[in-house]
All heavy atoms as atom14 arrays in JSON, in Angstrom:
{
  "sequence": "FSINDMGWYRQAPGKQRDLVAVITSGGKTNYADSV",
  "atom14_mask": [
    [1, 1, 1, 1, 1, 1, 1, 1, 1, 1, 1, 0, 0, 0],
    [1, 1, 1, 1, 1, 1, 0, 0, 0, 0, 0, 0, 0, 0],
    [1, 1, 1, 1, 1, 1, 1, 1, 0, 0, 0, 0, 0, 0],
    [1, 1, 1, 1, 1, 1, 1, 1, 0, 0, 0, 0, 0, 0],
    [1, 1, 1, 1, 1, 1, 1, 1, 0, 0, 0, 0, 0, 0],
    [1, 1, 1, 1, 1, 1, 1, 1, 0, 0, 0, 0, 0, 0],
    [1, 1, 1, 1, 0, 0, 0, 0, 0, 0, 0, 0, 0, 0],
    [1, 1, 1, 1, 1, 1, 1, 1, 1, 1, 1, 1, 1, 1],
    [1, 1, 1, 1, 1, 1, 1, 1, 1, 1, 1, 1, 0, 0],
    [1, 1, 1, 1, 1, 1, 1, 1, 1, 1, 1, 0, 0, 0],
    [1, 1, 1, 1, 1, 1, 1, 1, 1, 0, 0, 0, 0, 0],
    [1, 1, 1, 1, 1, 0, 0, 0, 0, 0, 0, 0, 0, 0],
    [1, 1, 1, 1, 1, 1, 1, 0, 0, 0, 0, 0, 0, 0],
    [1, 1, 1, 1, 0, 0, 0, 0, 0, 0, 0, 0, 0, 0],
    [1, 1, 1, 1, 1, 1, 1, 1, 1, 0, 0, 0, 0, 0],
    [1, 1, 1, 1, 1, 1, 1, 1, 1, 0, 0, 0, 0, 0],
    [1, 1, 1, 1, 1, 1, 1, 1, 1, 1, 1, 0, 0, 0],
    [1, 1, 1, 1, 1, 1, 1, 1, 0, 0, 0, 0, 0, 0],
    [1, 1, 1, 1, 1, 1, 1, 1, 0, 0, 0, 0, 0, 0],
    [1, 1, 1, 1, 1, 1, 1, 0, 0, 0, 0, 0, 0, 0],
    [1, 1, 1, 1, 1, 0, 0, 0, 0, 0, 0, 0, 0, 0],
    [1, 1, 1, 1, 1, 1, 1, 0, 0, 0, 0, 0, 0, 0],
    [1, 1, 1, 1, 1, 1, 1, 1, 0, 0, 0, 0, 0, 0],
    [1, 1, 1, 1, 1, 1, 1, 0, 0, 0, 0, 0, 0, 0],
    [1, 1, 1, 1, 1, 1, 0, 0, 0, 0, 0, 0, 0, 0],
    [1, 1, 1, 1, 0, 0, 0, 0, 0, 0, 0, 0, 0, 0],
    [1, 1, 1, 1, 0, 0, 0, 0, 0, 0, 0, 0, 0, 0],
    [1, 1, 1, 1, 1, 1, 1, 1, 1, 0, 0, 0, 0, 0],
    [1, 1, 1, 1, 1, 1, 1, 0, 0, 0, 0, 0, 0, 0],
    [1, 1, 1, 1, 1, 1, 1, 1, 0, 0, 0, 0, 0, 0],
    [1, 1, 1, 1, 1, 1, 1, 1, 1, 1, 1, 1, 0, 0],
    [1, 1, 1, 1, 1, 0, 0, 0, 0, 0, 0, 0, 0, 0],
    [1, 1, 1, 1, 1, 1, 1, 1, 0, 0, 0, 0, 0, 0],
    [1, 1, 1, 1, 1, 1, 0, 0, 0, 0, 0, 0, 0, 0],
    [1, 1, 1, 1, 1, 1, 1, 0, 0, 0, 0, 0, 0, 0]
  ],
  "atom14_positions": [
    [[-19.04, -6.77, -3.87], [-19.06, -8.2, -4.09], [-17.83, -8.86, -3.48], [-17.93, -9.87, -2.8], [-19.14, -8.52, -5.59], [-19.1, -9.99, -5.89], [-20.2, -10.79, -5.65], [-17.96, -10.58, -6.41], [-20.18, -12.15, -5.92], [-17.92, -11.93, -6.7], [-19.03, -12.72, -6.45], [0.0, 0.0, 0.0], [0.0, 0.0, 0.0], [0.0, 0.0, 0.0]],
    [[-16.68, -8.27, -3.73], [-15.44, -8.78, -3.17], [-14.38, -7.69, -3.24], [-14.49, -6.75, -4.01], [-14.96, -10.03, -3.9], [-14.65, -9.74, -5.25], [0.0, 0.0, 0.0], [0.0, 0.0, 0.0], [0.0, 0.0, 0.0], [0.0, 0.0, 0.0], [0.0, 0.0, 0.0], [0.0, 0.0, 0.0], [0.0, 0.0, 0.0], [0.0, 0.0, 0.0]],
    [[-13.35, -7.86, -2.43], [-12.22, -6.95, -2.43], [-10.95, -7.75, -2.67], [-10.7, -8.74, -1.99], [-12.1, -6.18, -1.1], [-13.37, -5.36, -0.85], [-10.87, -5.28, -1.12], [-13.37, -4.63, 0.48], [0.0, 0.0, 0.0], [0.0, 0.0, 0.0], [0.0, 0.0, 0.0], [0.0, 0.0, 0.0], [0.0, 0.0, 0.0], [0.0, 0.0, 0.0]],
    [[-10.17, -7.3, -3.63], [-8.92, -7.98, -3.93], [-7.8, -7.34, -3.09], [-7.83, -7.43, -1.87], [-8.62, -7.91, -5.42], [-9.68, -8.63, -6.24], [-10.36, -9.54, -5.76], [-9.85, -8.22, -7.49], [0.0, 0.0, 0.0], [0.0, 0.0, 0.0], [0.0, 0.0, 0.0], [0.0, 0.0, 0.0], [0.0, 0.0, 0.0], [0.0, 0.0, 0.0]],
    [[-6.84, -6.7, -3.73], [-5.76, -6.07, -2.98], [-6.26, -4.85, -2.21], [-7.14, -4.12, -2.67], [-4.63, -5.64, -3.91], [-3.93, -6.81, -4.56], [-4.25, -7.97, -4.24], [-3.03, -6.56, -5.39], [0.0, 0.0, 0.0], [0.0, 0.0, 0.0], [0.0, 0.0, 0.0], [0.0, 0.0, 0.0], [0.0, 0.0, 0.0], [0.0, 0.0, 0.0]],
    [[-5.68, -4.62, -1.05], [-5.9, -3.41, -0.28], [-4.54, -2.86, 0.11], [-3.61, -3.63, 0.38], [-6.74, -3.67, 0.97], [-8.11, -4.27, 0.7], [-9.14, -4.42, 2.18], [-9.75, -2.72, 2.32], [0.0, 0.0, 0.0], [0.0, 0.0, 0.0], [0.0, 0.0, 0.0], [0.0, 0.0, 0.0], [0.0, 0.0, 0.0], [0.0, 0.0, 0.0]],
    [[-4.43, -1.55, 0.14], [-3.14, -0.98, 0.46], [-3.23, 0.39, 1.08], [-4.29, 1.02, 1.12], [0.0, 0.0, 0.0], [0.0, 0.0, 0.0], [0.0, 0.0, 0.0], [0.0, 0.0, 0.0], [0.0, 0.0, 0.0], [0.0, 0.0, 0.0], [0.0, 0.0, 0.0], [0.0, 0.0, 0.0], [0.0, 0.0, 0.0], [0.0, 0.0, 0.0]],
    [[-2.08, 0.83, 1.57], [-1.92, 2.15, 2.14], [-0.87, 2.92, 1.36], [0.19, 2.37, 1.04], [-1.51, 2.08, 3.61], [-2.6, 1.59, 4.51], [-2.81, 0.32, 4.93], [-3.62, 2.38, 5.11], [-3.9, 0.25, 5.76], [-4.42, 1.5, 5.89], [-3.94, 3.73, 5.08], [-5.52, 1.95, 6.62], [-5.04, 4.17, 5.8], [-5.81, 3.29, 6.57]],
    [[-1.17, 4.16, 1.07], [-0.26, 5.07, 0.41], [-0.11, 6.32, 1.27], [-0.96, 6.6, 2.12], [-0.78, 5.45, -0.98], [-0.82, 4.31, -1.96], [-1.75, 3.28, -1.84], [0.07, 4.25, -3.04], [-1.8, 2.22, -2.73], [0.03, 3.2, -3.94], [-0.9, 2.2, -3.78], [-0.94, 1.16, -4.68], [0.0, 0.0, 0.0], [0.0, 0.0, 0.0]],
    [[0.94, 7.07, 1.03], [1.1, 8.31, 1.77], [1.67, 9.39, 0.86], [2.38, 9.1, -0.1], [1.97, 8.13, 3.0], [3.43, 7.78, 2.72], [4.15, 7.48, 4.03], [5.56, 7.18, 3.83], [6.38, 6.77, 4.79], [5.92, 6.6, 6.03], [7.65, 6.52, 4.52], [0.0, 0.0, 0.0], [0.0, 0.0, 0.0], [0.0, 0.0, 0.0]],
    [[1.35, 10.62, 1.21], [1.8, 11.76, 0.43], [2.12, 12.92, 1.36], [1.26, 13.39, 2.1], [0.73, 12.18, -0.58], [1.18, 13.27, -1.53], [0.19, 13.48, -2.66], [-0.99, 13.15, -2.53], [0.67, 14.0, -3.78], [0.0, 0.0, 0.0], [0.0, 0.0, 0.0], [0.0, 0.0, 0.0], [0.0, 0.0, 0.0], [0.0, 0.0, 0.0]],
    [[3.36, 13.35, 1.32], [3.8, 14.51, 2.06], [3.69, 15.74, 1.15], [3.7, 15.62, -0.07], [5.23, 14.34, 2.55], [0.0, 0.0, 0.0], [0.0, 0.0, 0.0], [0.0, 0.0, 0.0], [0.0, 0.0, 0.0], [0.0, 0.0, 0.0], [0.0, 0.0, 0.0], [0.0, 0.0, 0.0], [0.0, 0.0, 0.0], [0.0, 0.0, 0.0]],
    [[3.6, 16.94, 1.72], [3.49, 18.15, 0.91], [4.62, 18.26, -0.1], [5.79, 18.1, 0.25], [3.55, 19.28, 1.94], [3.02, 18.66, 3.19], [3.53, 17.24, 3.16], [0.0, 0.0, 0.0], [0.0, 0.0, 0.0], [0.0, 0.0, 0.0], [0.0, 0.0, 0.0], [0.0, 0.0, 0.0], [0.0, 0.0, 0.0], [0.0, 0.0, 0.0]],
    [[4.27, 18.52, -1.34], [5.25, 18.69, -2.38], [5.85, 17.41, -2.92], [6.76, 17.47, -3.75], [0.0, 0.0, 0.0], [0.0, 0.0, 0.0], [0.0, 0.0, 0.0], [0.0, 0.0, 0.0], [0.0, 0.0, 0.0], [0.0, 0.0, 0.0], [0.0, 0.0, 0.0], [0.0, 0.0, 0.0], [0.0, 0.0, 0.0], [0.0, 0.0, 0.0]],
    [[5.37, 16.27, -2.45], [5.91, 15.0, -2.89], [4.83, 14.14, -3.53], [3.64, 14.39, -3.37], [6.55, 14.25, -1.71], [7.75, 14.96, -1.1], [8.4, 14.12, -0.03], [9.62, 14.8, 0.55], [10.27, 13.97, 1.6], [0.0, 0.0, 0.0], [0.0, 0.0, 0.0], [0.0, 0.0, 0.0], [0.0, 0.0, 0.0], [0.0, 0.0, 0.0]],
    [[5.27, 13.12, -4.24], [4.34, 12.22, -4.89], [3.72, 11.26, -3.88], [4.24, 11.07, -2.78], [5.05, 11.43, -5.99], [6.13, 10.5, -5.49], [6.84, 9.77, -6.62], [6.66, 10.07, -7.79], [7.66, 8.79, -6.27], [0.0, 0.0, 0.0], [0.0, 0.0, 0.0], [0.0, 0.0, 0.0], [0.0, 0.0, 0.0], [0.0, 0.0, 0.0]],
    [[2.62, 10.66, -4.29], [1.97, 9.67, -3.46], [2.65, 8.31, -3.68], [2.72, 7.82, -4.8], [0.48, 9.58, -3.8], [-0.32, 8.67, -2.88], [-1.81, 8.73, -3.2], [-2.36, 10.07, -3.03], [-3.65, 10.36, -3.15], [-4.52, 9.4, -3.43], [-4.07, 11.61, -2.99], [0.0, 0.0, 0.0], [0.0, 0.0, 0.0], [0.0, 0.0, 0.0]],
    [[3.14, 7.73, -2.61], [3.91, 6.5, -2.69], [3.23, 5.37, -1.94], [2.54, 5.57, -0.94], [5.31, 6.69, -2.12], [6.18, 7.61, -2.96], [6.04, 7.61, -4.19], [7.0, 8.34, -2.38], [0.0, 0.0, 0.0], [0.0, 0.0, 0.0], [0.0, 0.0, 0.0], [0.0, 0.0, 0.0], [0.0, 0.0, 0.0], [0.0, 0.0, 0.0]],
    [[3.48, 4.17, -2.42], [2.98, 2.97, -1.75], [3.69, 2.77, -0.42], [4.92, 2.86, -0.34], [3.19, 1.75, -2.64], [2.86, 0.39, -2.02], [1.35, 0.25, -1.83], [3.39, -0.75, -2.87], [0.0, 0.0, 0.0], [0.0, 0.0, 0.0], [0.0, 0.0, 0.0], [0.0, 0.0, 0.0], [0.0, 0.0, 0.0], [0.0, 0.0, 0.0]],
    [[2.93, 2.49, 0.61], [3.47, 2.15, 1.91], [3.43, 0.64, 2.13], [4.44, 0.02, 2.49], [2.7, 2.86, 3.04], [3.22, 2.42, 4.41], [2.81, 4.37, 2.89], [0.0, 0.0, 0.0], [0.0, 0.0, 0.0], [0.0, 0.0, 0.0], [0.0, 0.0, 0.0], [0.0, 0.0, 0.0], [0.0, 0.0, 0.0], [0.0, 0.0, 0.0]],
    [[2.27, 0.05, 1.92], [2.1, -1.38, 2.12], [0.88, -1.85, 1.36], [-0.07, -1.09, 1.15], [1.96, -1.72, 3.61], [0.0, 0.0, 0.0], [0.0, 0.0, 0.0], [0.0, 0.0, 0.0], [0.0, 0.0, 0.0], [0.0, 0.0, 0.0], [0.0, 0.0, 0.0], [0.0, 0.0, 0.0], [0.0, 0.0, 0.0], [0.0, 0.0, 0.0]],
    [[0.9, -3.1, 0.96], [-0.23, -3.69, 0.26], [-0.43, -5.11, 0.77], [0.53, -5.78, 1.17], [-0.01, -3.68, -1.27], [1.19, -4.53, -1.66], [-1.26, -4.14, -2.0], [0.0, 0.0, 0.0], [0.0, 0.0, 0.0], [0.0, 0.0, 0.0], [0.0, 0.0, 0.0], [0.0, 0.0, 0.0], [0.0, 0.0, 0.0], [0.0, 0.0, 0.0]],
    [[-1.67, -5.56, 0.76], [-2.0, -6.92, 1.18], [-3.02, -7.48, 0.21], [-4.0, -6.83, -0.15], [-2.5, -6.96, 2.64], [-2.74, -8.4, 3.09], [-3.75, -6.1, 2.82], [-2.96, -8.53, 4.59], [0.0, 0.0, 0.0], [0.0, 0.0, 0.0], [0.0, 0.0, 0.0], [0.0, 0.0, 0.0], [0.0, 0.0, 0.0], [0.0, 0.0, 0.0]],
    [[-2.78, -8.7, -0.25], [-3.69, -9.35, -1.18], [-4.84, -9.99, -0.43], [-4.85, -10.07, 0.8], [-2.97, -10.41, -2.01], [-2.61, -11.52, -1.17], [-1.71, -9.85, -2.66], [0.0, 0.0, 0.0], [0.0, 0.0, 0.0], [0.0, 0.0, 0.0], [0.0, 0.0, 0.0], [0.0, 0.0, 0.0], [0.0, 0.0, 0.0], [0.0, 0.0, 0.0]],
    [[-5.82, -10.46, -1.18], [-6.95, -11.14, -0.57], [-6.52, -12.41, 0.15], [-7.2, -12.85, 1.08], [-8.01, -11.47, -1.62], [-7.47, -12.32, -2.63], [0.0, 0.0, 0.0], [0.0, 0.0, 0.0], [0.0, 0.0, 0.0], [0.0, 0.0, 0.0], [0.0, 0.0, 0.0], [0.0, 0.0, 0.0], [0.0, 0.0, 0.0], [0.0, 0.0, 0.0]],
    [[-5.4, -12.98, -0.27], [-4.87, -14.17, 0.37], [-3.93, -13.9, 1.52], [-3.44, -14.85, 2.15], [0.0, 0.0, 0.0], [0.0, 0.0, 0.0], [0.0, 0.0, 0.0], [0.0, 0.0, 0.0], [0.0, 0.0, 0.0], [0.0, 0.0, 0.0], [0.0, 0.0, 0.0], [0.0, 0.0, 0.0], [0.0, 0.0, 0.0], [0.0, 0.0, 0.0]],
    [[-3.66, -12.63, 1.8], [-2.83, -12.27, 2.94], [-1.37, -12.03, 2.64], [-0.58, -11.8, 3.57], [0.0, 0.0, 0.0], [0.0, 0.0, 0.0], [0.0, 0.0, 0.0], [0.0, 0.0, 0.0], [0.0, 0.0, 0.0], [0.0, 0.0, 0.0], [0.0, 0.0, 0.0], [0.0, 0.0, 0.0], [0.0, 0.0, 0.0], [0.0, 0.0, 0.0]],
    [[-0.98, -12.07, 1.37], [0.41, -11.78, 1.03], [0.65, -10.28, 1.12], [-0.15, -9.48, 0.64], [0.72, -12.3, -0.37], [2.17, -12.14, -0.8], [2.42, -12.73, -2.17], [2.2, -14.23, -2.18], [2.53, -14.84, -3.5], [0.0, 0.0, 0.0], [0.0, 0.0, 0.0], [0.0, 0.0, 0.0], [0.0, 0.0, 0.0], [0.0, 0.0, 0.0]],
    [[1.77, -9.9, 1.71], [2.05, -8.49, 1.96], [3.31, -8.02, 1.26], [4.21, -8.81, 0.95], [2.19, -8.22, 3.47], [3.27, -9.0, 4.0], [0.91, -8.57, 4.2], [0.0, 0.0, 0.0], [0.0, 0.0, 0.0], [0.0, 0.0, 0.0], [0.0, 0.0, 0.0], [0.0, 0.0, 0.0], [0.0, 0.0, 0.0], [0.0, 0.0, 0.0]],
    [[3.38, -6.73, 1.05], [4.56, -6.08, 0.5], [4.67, -4.7, 1.12], [3.66, -4.03, 1.33], [4.47, -5.98, -1.02], [5.77, -5.52, -1.64], [6.85, -5.95, -1.25], [5.67, -4.65, -2.64], [0.0, 0.0, 0.0], [0.0, 0.0, 0.0], [0.0, 0.0, 0.0], [0.0, 0.0, 0.0], [0.0, 0.0, 0.0], [0.0, 0.0, 0.0]],
    [[5.91, -4.28, 1.41], [6.13, -3.02, 2.09], [7.18, -2.18, 1.37], [8.1, -2.72, 0.75], [6.62, -3.24, 3.52], [5.65, -3.98, 4.41], [5.67, -5.36, 4.5], [4.73, -3.28, 5.18], [4.79, -6.04, 5.32], [3.85, -3.94, 6.01], [3.88, -5.32, 6.07], [2.99, -5.98, 6.9], [0.0, 0.0, 0.0], [0.0, 0.0, 0.0]],
    [[7.03, -0.88, 1.49], [8.09, 0.0, 1.06], [9.31, -0.22, 1.95], [9.19, -0.51, 3.14], [7.64, 1.46, 1.14], [0.0, 0.0, 0.0], [0.0, 0.0, 0.0], [0.0, 0.0, 0.0], [0.0, 0.0, 0.0], [0.0, 0.0, 0.0], [0.0, 0.0, 0.0], [0.0, 0.0, 0.0], [0.0, 0.0, 0.0], [0.0, 0.0, 0.0]],
    [[10.49, -0.08, 1.37], [11.71, -0.3, 2.14], [11.79, 0.59, 3.38], [12.32, 0.18, 4.41], [12.94, -0.06, 1.26], [13.13, -1.14, 0.22], [12.58, -2.24, 0.38], [13.85, -0.88, -0.77], [0.0, 0.0, 0.0], [0.0, 0.0, 0.0], [0.0, 0.0, 0.0], [0.0, 0.0, 0.0], [0.0, 0.0, 0.0], [0.0, 0.0, 0.0]],
    [[11.25, 1.79, 3.28], [11.35, 2.75, 4.36], [10.55, 2.36, 5.6], [10.78, 2.92, 6.68], [10.92, 4.13, 3.89], [9.59, 4.11, 3.41], [0.0, 0.0, 0.0], [0.0, 0.0, 0.0], [0.0, 0.0, 0.0], [0.0, 0.0, 0.0], [0.0, 0.0, 0.0], [0.0, 0.0, 0.0], [0.0, 0.0, 0.0], [0.0, 0.0, 0.0]],
    [[9.61, 1.43, 5.46], [8.76, 1.06, 6.6], [8.91, -0.39, 7.01], [8.29, -0.81, 8.0], [7.28, 1.37, 6.33], [7.1, 2.83, 5.92], [6.71, 0.44, 5.27], [0.0, 0.0, 0.0], [0.0, 0.0, 0.0], [0.0, 0.0, 0.0], [0.0, 0.0, 0.0], [0.0, 0.0, 0.0], [0.0, 0.0, 0.0], [0.0, 0.0, 0.0]]
  ]
}
């Protein structure tokens, strides 16, 4: 029906899954400091 936030996460071997970037339905973005 609709999609709200969409994002990318990443996980390296032996590490937790972390947020990379997210974008709202309105186009507002947020990024991990590392990227």
